[in-house]
Amino acid sequence: MKKTSLIILLSSVVLSACSTTTNTNEQQVVFQTSTTPVEIKRHHHNIDDLILQAETNSTGKVRDILHTTRQMALVEQTIIKGGCWDYLDAAWTRAGVPRQNRQTIFKSTKSGPYANTNQLQAGDWLYYVNYSYNNIEHSGMFIAWLDEDEKLGITLSYAGESRQEPARYKVYDLSGVYHIMRAK
C-alpha cells in the first residue's frame, strides 16, 4: 500500500509549471518543467536536474535521442499520430536512430521474468507493465532512477490514444520491465 500511494503521489507531479533557459550549441532552448522537489527516502531529487543530467552525461546517439525527445516533448510539444510505440519510433528516427540501428538488450514477456534495475541506462526504450493504468503494456524511454531500490524511474511517456497531448516525463514503477532496446 505504501508503494502504491508513493507511486500515485509521484505520478501526479506535473512537469509544466515554470521555465528556465539553458544554452545549447549557442541556441537558446526553453526547458519547461516544474521545480518541485520530490522526497524519497529522505533524499531530495529535482526531476528537472535528473532529466538534464541524463542528457549531459550521455554521449553519441544516446545524447542525440535524449536531446531530440526533450525538444519534442517540452519545447515543440510534438503530437504524433498513434500511441507510445509510434511516438518513440518517430522520435528515435528523427534523432538519427532508425530501426536497423536499434538493438535489443533484454527480451521477455509481459508476465516476466523482468529486467534487473542495473540493466537500464538513460535513453533506453522500455516495454513494461504500466501498474498505474490497468496493468497494460506500455513503452517509454528511461531517463533516470528516482528511487532504484523501490524501482521508481523517470521515463518519457506518450499517452497517445487520440489525446492530443505531448509526451511528458513521469515516474513509473519499473519493476515490470520486460524489453529493453538501445541505440547501436
C-alpha atoms as a PDB file:
ATOM      1  CA  MET A   1       0.000   0.000   0.000  1.00  0.00           C
ATOM      2  CA  LYS A   2       2.847   2.370   0.863  1.00  0.00           C
ATOM      3  CA  LYS A   3       4.482   1.807  -2.526  1.00  0.00           C
ATOM      4  CA  THR A   4       1.164   2.296  -4.355  1.00  0.00           C
ATOM      5  CA  SER A   5       0.495   5.566  -2.531  1.00  0.00           C
ATOM      6  CA  LEU A   6       4.007   6.761  -3.305  1.00  0.00           C
ATOM      7  CA  ILE A   7       3.596   5.914  -6.982  1.00  0.00           C
ATOM      8  CA  ILE A   8       0.285   7.738  -7.165  1.00  0.00           C
ATOM      9  CA  LEU A   9       1.818  10.757  -5.435  1.00  0.00           C
ATOM     10  CA  LEU A  10       4.843  10.785  -7.731  1.00  0.00           C
ATOM     11  CA  SER A  11       2.779  10.203 -10.853  1.00  0.00           C
ATOM     12  CA  SER A  12       0.772  13.295 -10.027  1.00  0.00           C
ATOM     13  CA  VAL A  13       3.830  15.538 -10.366  1.00  0.00           C
ATOM     14  CA  VAL A  14       3.061  17.666 -13.394  1.00  0.00           C
ATOM     15  CA  LEU A  15       6.112  18.853 -15.257  1.00  0.00           C
ATOM     16  CA  SER A  16       4.985  22.110 -16.825  1.00  0.00           C
ATOM     17  CA  ALA A  17       4.829  24.853 -14.227  1.00  0.00           C
ATOM     18  CA  CYS A  18       7.854  27.054 -14.887  1.00  0.00           C
ATOM     19  CA  SER A  19      10.666  27.527 -17.329  1.00  0.00           C
ATOM     20  CA  THR A  20      14.382  28.058 -17.219  1.00  0.00           C
ATOM     21  CA  THR A  21      16.774  28.747 -20.041  1.00  0.00           C
ATOM     22  CA  THR A  22      19.955  26.936 -21.000  1.00  0.00           C
ATOM     23  CA  ASN A  23      22.358  27.421 -23.890  1.00  0.00           C
ATOM     24  CA  THR A  24      22.937  24.501 -26.210  1.00  0.00           C
ATOM     25  CA  ASN A  25      25.084  24.927 -29.330  1.00  0.00           C
ATOM     26  CA  GLU A  26      24.715  28.713 -28.989  1.00  0.00           C
ATOM     27  CA  GLN A  27      20.953  28.327 -29.473  1.00  0.00           C
ATOM     28  CA  GLN A  28      18.668  29.318 -26.644  1.00  0.00           C
ATOM     29  CA  VAL A  29      16.421  26.441 -25.577  1.00  0.00           C
ATOM     30  CA  VAL A  30      13.465  26.810 -23.228  1.00  0.00           C
ATOM     31  CA  PHE A  31      13.255  23.922 -20.788  1.00  0.00           C
ATOM     32  CA  GLN A  32       9.792  23.842 -19.247  1.00  0.00           C
ATOM     33  CA  THR A  33       9.176  21.704 -16.202  1.00  0.00           C
ATOM     34  CA  SER A  34       8.337  22.164 -12.587  1.00  0.00           C
ATOM     35  CA  THR A  35      10.978  22.681  -9.967  1.00  0.00           C
ATOM     36  CA  THR A  36       9.062  20.829  -7.295  1.00  0.00           C
ATOM     37  CA  PRO A  37      11.444  18.598  -5.359  1.00  0.00           C
ATOM     38  CA  VAL A  38      10.175  15.102  -4.590  1.00  0.00           C
ATOM     39  CA  GLU A  39      11.237  13.454  -1.352  1.00  0.00           C
ATOM     40  CA  ILE A  40      12.017   9.756  -1.475  1.00  0.00           C
ATOM     41  CA  LYS A  41      13.760   8.056   1.426  1.00  0.00           C
ATOM     42  CA  ARG A  42      14.865  11.440   2.800  1.00  0.00           C
ATOM     43  CA  HIS A  43      16.679  12.321  -0.453  1.00  0.00           C
ATOM     44  CA  HIS A  44      15.616  15.345  -2.432  1.00  0.00           C
ATOM     45  CA  HIS A  45      15.601  14.916  -6.189  1.00  0.00           C
ATOM     46  CA  ASN A  46      14.825  17.599  -8.673  1.00  0.00           C
ATOM     47  CA  ILE A  47      13.326  15.832 -11.688  1.00  0.00           C
ATOM     48  CA  ASP A  48      14.435  18.660 -13.997  1.00  0.00           C
ATOM     49  CA  ASP A  49      18.017  18.170 -12.887  1.00  0.00           C
ATOM     50  CA  LEU A  50      17.839  14.400 -13.411  1.00  0.00           C
ATOM     51  CA  ILE A  51      16.497  14.870 -16.937  1.00  0.00           C
ATOM     52  CA  LEU A  52      19.250  17.316 -17.881  1.00  0.00           C
ATOM     53  CA  GLN A  53      21.896  15.265 -16.085  1.00  0.00           C
ATOM     54  CA  ALA A  54      20.953  12.157 -18.087  1.00  0.00           C
ATOM     55  CA  GLU A  55      21.393  14.106 -21.317  1.00  0.00           C
ATOM     56  CA  THR A  56      24.611  15.804 -20.226  1.00  0.00           C
ATOM     57  CA  ASN A  57      26.198  12.554 -19.035  1.00  0.00           C
ATOM     58  CA  SER A  58      25.370  10.634 -22.216  1.00  0.00           C
ATOM     59  CA  THR A  59      27.263  10.565 -25.483  1.00  0.00           C
ATOM     60  CA  GLY A  60      26.743   9.845 -29.166  1.00  0.00           C
ATOM     61  CA  LYS A  61      23.360   8.625 -30.367  1.00  0.00           C
ATOM     62  CA  VAL A  62      22.005   8.337 -26.817  1.00  0.00           C
ATOM     63  CA  ARG A  63      22.622  12.037 -26.254  1.00  0.00           C
ATOM     64  CA  ASP A  64      21.001  12.783 -29.615  1.00  0.00           C
ATOM     65  CA  ILE A  65      17.924  10.763 -28.600  1.00  0.00           C
ATOM     66  CA  LEU A  66      17.640  12.402 -25.169  1.00  0.00           C
ATOM     67  CA  HIS A  67      18.076  15.879 -26.636  1.00  0.00           C
ATOM     68  CA  THR A  68      15.646  15.331 -29.511  1.00  0.00           C
ATOM     69  CA  THR A  69      12.952  13.820 -27.318  1.00  0.00           C
ATOM     70  CA  ARG A  70      13.290  16.613 -24.736  1.00  0.00           C
ATOM     71  CA  GLN A  71      12.877  19.189 -27.501  1.00  0.00           C
ATOM     72  CA  MET A  72       9.875  17.351 -28.948  1.00  0.00           C
ATOM     73  CA  ALA A  73       8.178  16.966 -25.576  1.00  0.00           C
ATOM     74  CA  LEU A  74       8.889  20.235 -23.804  1.00  0.00           C
ATOM     75  CA  VAL A  75       9.721  22.846 -26.419  1.00  0.00           C
ATOM     76  CA  GLU A  76       7.837  21.847 -29.574  1.00  0.00           C
ATOM     77  CA  GLN A  77       5.155  19.826 -27.740  1.00  0.00           C
ATOM     78  CA  THR A  78       5.039  17.497 -30.734  1.00  0.00           C
ATOM     79  CA  ILE A  79       1.971  15.331 -31.273  1.00  0.00           C
ATOM     80  CA  ILE A  80       2.461  12.085 -33.223  1.00  0.00           C
ATOM     81  CA  LYS A  81      -0.462  10.132 -34.607  1.00  0.00           C
ATOM     82  CA  GLY A  82      -0.624   6.824 -32.753  1.00  0.00           C
ATOM     83  CA  GLY A  83       0.452   5.542 -29.381  1.00  0.00           C
ATOM     84  CA  CYS A  84       3.537   5.239 -27.217  1.00  0.00           C
ATOM     85  CA  TRP A  85       5.401   2.991 -29.681  1.00  0.00           C
ATOM     86  CA  ASP A  86       4.677   5.291 -32.634  1.00  0.00           C
ATOM     87  CA  TYR A  87       5.957   8.321 -30.732  1.00  0.00           C
ATOM     88  CA  LEU A  88       9.250   6.744 -29.720  1.00  0.00           C
ATOM     89  CA  ASP A  89       9.764   5.237 -33.178  1.00  0.00           C
ATOM     90  CA  ALA A  90       9.316   8.682 -34.763  1.00  0.00           C
ATOM     91  CA  ALA A  91      11.490  10.394 -32.131  1.00  0.00           C
ATOM     92  CA  TRP A  92      14.336   7.900 -32.404  1.00  0.00           C
ATOM     93  CA  THR A  93      14.245   8.089 -36.208  1.00  0.00           C
ATOM     94  CA  ARG A  94      14.284  11.896 -36.011  1.00  0.00           C
ATOM     95  CA  ALA A  95      17.304  11.669 -33.666  1.00  0.00           C
ATOM     96  CA  GLY A  96      19.199   9.628 -36.276  1.00  0.00           C
ATOM     97  CA  VAL A  97      18.490   6.143 -34.906  1.00  0.00           C
ATOM     98  CA  PRO A  98      16.357   4.294 -37.486  1.00  0.00           C
ATOM     99  CA  ARG A  99      15.020   0.803 -36.775  1.00  0.00           C
ATOM    100  CA  GLN A 100      18.077  -1.005 -38.132  1.00  0.00           C
ATOM    101  CA  ASN A 101      20.267   0.880 -35.616  1.00  0.00           C
ATOM    102  CA  ARG A 102      18.423  -0.357 -32.541  1.00  0.00           C
ATOM    103  CA  GLN A 103      19.460  -3.388 -30.571  1.00  0.00           C
ATOM    104  CA  THR A 104      17.528  -5.467 -28.086  1.00  0.00           C
ATOM    105  CA  ILE A 105      19.373  -5.714 -24.755  1.00  0.00           C
ATOM    106  CA  PHE A 106      16.745  -7.693 -22.835  1.00  0.00           C
ATOM    107  CA  LYS A 107      13.646  -9.506 -24.054  1.00  0.00           C
ATOM    108  CA  SER A 108      10.992 -11.404 -22.149  1.00  0.00           C
ATOM    109  CA  THR A 109       7.197 -11.291 -21.942  1.00  0.00           C
ATOM    110  CA  LYS A 110       4.683  -9.192 -20.044  1.00  0.00           C
ATOM    111  CA  SER A 111       4.442 -11.941 -17.429  1.00  0.00           C
ATOM    112  CA  GLY A 112       8.221 -11.955 -16.853  1.00  0.00           C
ATOM    113  CA  PRO A 113      10.926 -12.579 -15.988  1.00  0.00           C
ATOM    114  CA  TYR A 114      11.738  -8.902 -15.659  1.00  0.00           C
ATOM    115  CA  ALA A 115      14.963  -6.961 -16.185  1.00  0.00           C
ATOM    116  CA  ASN A 116      17.252  -6.093 -13.287  1.00  0.00           C
ATOM    117  CA  THR A 117      17.496  -2.413 -12.440  1.00  0.00           C
ATOM    118  CA  ASN A 118      21.214  -2.367 -13.274  1.00  0.00           C
ATOM    119  CA  GLN A 119      20.382  -3.214 -16.905  1.00  0.00           C
ATOM    120  CA  LEU A 120      18.630   0.107 -17.545  1.00  0.00           C
ATOM    121  CA  GLN A 121      20.534   3.076 -18.936  1.00  0.00           C
ATOM    122  CA  ALA A 122      19.437   6.595 -19.784  1.00  0.00           C
ATOM    123  CA  GLY A 123      17.896   6.655 -23.239  1.00  0.00           C
ATOM    124  CA  ASP A 124      16.788   3.006 -23.241  1.00  0.00           C
ATOM    125  CA  TRP A 125      13.449   2.285 -24.881  1.00  0.00           C
ATOM    126  CA  LEU A 126      11.486   0.112 -22.473  1.00  0.00           C
ATOM    127  CA  TYR A 127       8.418  -2.074 -22.628  1.00  0.00           C
ATOM    128  CA  TYR A 128       6.917  -2.501 -19.182  1.00  0.00           C
ATOM    129  CA  VAL A 129       3.784  -3.275 -17.249  1.00  0.00           C
ATOM    130  CA  ASN A 130       2.019   0.012 -16.508  1.00  0.00           C
ATOM    131  CA  TYR A 131       0.895  -0.731 -12.965  1.00  0.00           C
ATOM    132  CA  SER A 132      -0.643   2.737 -12.647  1.00  0.00           C
ATOM    133  CA  TYR A 133      -3.009   2.192 -15.602  1.00  0.00           C
ATOM    134  CA  ASN A 134      -4.774  -1.184 -15.522  1.00  0.00           C
ATOM    135  CA  ASN A 135      -1.515  -3.184 -15.778  1.00  0.00           C
ATOM    136  CA  ILE A 136      -1.437  -2.662 -19.540  1.00  0.00           C
ATOM    137  CA  GLU A 137       1.652  -2.949 -21.721  1.00  0.00           C
ATOM    138  CA  HIS A 138       3.358   0.395 -22.211  1.00  0.00           C
ATOM    139  CA  SER A 139       6.556   1.662 -23.729  1.00  0.00           C
ATOM    140  CA  GLY A 140       8.536   4.664 -22.659  1.00  0.00           C
ATOM    141  CA  MET A 141      12.093   5.908 -22.582  1.00  0.00           C
ATOM    142  CA  PHE A 142      14.104   5.518 -19.400  1.00  0.00           C
ATOM    143  CA  ILE A 143      15.727   8.701 -18.115  1.00  0.00           C
ATOM    144  CA  ALA A 144      16.950   8.058 -14.565  1.00  0.00           C
ATOM    145  CA  TRP A 145      16.141   6.356 -11.301  1.00  0.00           C
ATOM    146  CA  LEU A 146      14.247   8.427  -8.778  1.00  0.00           C
ATOM    147  CA  ASP A 147      14.493   5.544  -6.298  1.00  0.00           C
ATOM    148  CA  GLU A 148      16.214   2.462  -7.687  1.00  0.00           C
ATOM    149  CA  ASP A 149      15.556   0.350  -4.565  1.00  0.00           C
ATOM    150  CA  GLU A 150      11.810   0.921  -4.994  1.00  0.00           C
ATOM    151  CA  LYS A 151      12.174   0.616  -8.798  1.00  0.00           C
ATOM    152  CA  LEU A 152      10.721   4.081  -9.359  1.00  0.00           C
ATOM    153  CA  GLY A 153      12.119   5.559 -12.549  1.00  0.00           C
ATOM    154  CA  ILE A 154      11.604   8.679 -14.595  1.00  0.00           C
ATOM    155  CA  THR A 155      10.512   7.911 -18.128  1.00  0.00           C
ATOM    156  CA  LEU A 156       9.470   9.924 -21.128  1.00  0.00           C
ATOM    157  CA  SER A 157       5.937   8.695 -21.694  1.00  0.00           C
ATOM    158  CA  TYR A 158       3.454   9.303 -24.503  1.00  0.00           C
ATOM    159  CA  ALA A 159      -0.193   8.562 -23.868  1.00  0.00           C
ATOM    160  CA  GLY A 160      -1.411   8.635 -27.456  1.00  0.00           C
ATOM    161  CA  GLU A 161      -4.962   7.281 -27.641  1.00  0.00           C
ATOM    162  CA  SER A 162      -6.086  10.400 -29.569  1.00  0.00           C
ATOM    163  CA  ARG A 163      -5.495  12.593 -26.500  1.00  0.00           C
ATOM    164  CA  GLN A 164      -3.594  15.277 -28.424  1.00  0.00           C
ATOM    165  CA  GLU A 165      -1.102  15.711 -25.553  1.00  0.00           C
ATOM    166  CA  PRO A 166       2.668  15.911 -25.932  1.00  0.00           C
ATOM    167  CA  ALA A 167       4.934  13.366 -24.301  1.00  0.00           C
ATOM    168  CA  ARG A 168       5.751  14.020 -20.661  1.00  0.00           C
ATOM    169  CA  TYR A 169       8.235  12.949 -18.049  1.00  0.00           C
ATOM    170  CA  LYS A 170       6.567  10.712 -15.490  1.00  0.00           C
ATOM    171  CA  VAL A 171       7.564   8.487 -12.611  1.00  0.00           C
ATOM    172  CA  TYR A 172       6.666   4.832 -13.124  1.00  0.00           C
ATOM    173  CA  ASP A 173       7.053   1.643 -11.156  1.00  0.00           C
ATOM    174  CA  LEU A 174       9.592  -0.105 -13.388  1.00  0.00           C
ATOM    175  CA  SER A 175       9.561  -3.451 -11.602  1.00  0.00           C
ATOM    176  CA  GLY A 176       7.860  -5.000 -14.666  1.00  0.00           C
ATOM    177  CA  VAL A 177      10.323  -4.112 -17.479  1.00  0.00           C
ATOM    178  CA  TYR A 178      10.276  -6.958 -19.994  1.00  0.00           C
ATOM    179  CA  HIS A 179      12.027  -5.461 -23.014  1.00  0.00           C
ATOM    180  CA  ILE A 180      14.967  -3.055 -23.334  1.00  0.00           C
ATOM    181  CA  MET A 181      16.074  -1.546 -26.636  1.00  0.00           C
ATOM    182  CA  ARG A 182      19.147   0.638 -27.066  1.00  0.00           C
ATOM    183  CA  ALA A 183      20.713   2.674 -29.872  1.00  0.00           C
ATOM    184  CA  LYS A 184      23.632   0.916 -31.626  1.00  0.00           C
END
